[in-house]
């Protein structure tokens, strides 16, 4: 019973944050909403004992959102990333394309004859899926992952060497920021 409640709560979180991606008015908020949605889906996969796919989903989404945050800081700064903007462009054609894609995929799923199963499933489906996806590259990925994470953290530190405490003071009470070049957001 507890697992049903937890799964239902995660499903509601995933759905609500997925909808929030298109309802919030800034790129940063949409990014975080997307991360929350996929992390909830990853936890649901873990509940189904799909450990490999669940962990990979969570790790990939956390890393993807970290990379997106770095690009937002490098190219936009965090304040423009939080400024209001529409997350949906060309709404009419987007809706037409979404409905058409749904009809095409649903028609394919319902009308195409599915092949009969040959053989039986493996004893450990998670291990066989992991082997099929990664093969002999698993040790390489386990080694490269911390290096990639360290690179992302270093790039973030280099992209924003002056944080808000440097600009606004230790207690964030300056009336204007201490920017080396005037004309930015603090003007």
Foldseek 3Di string as FASTA:
>chain_A
DVLVVLLVVLVVLLVVLCVVLQVDFFQLSNLVSNLSNQLSVLVNCVVVVLPVVSVVSNVVSVLVSLVVVLCCCQPPNVVRRNDGHGPDPPVVVVVVVVVVVVVVVVCCVPPPDDDDDDDDDDPDNNVVVCCVVQPPCPVVCVVCVVVSVVVSVVSSCVSPVDDQCQQQPVVNPRPAGDDPDPDPPRD
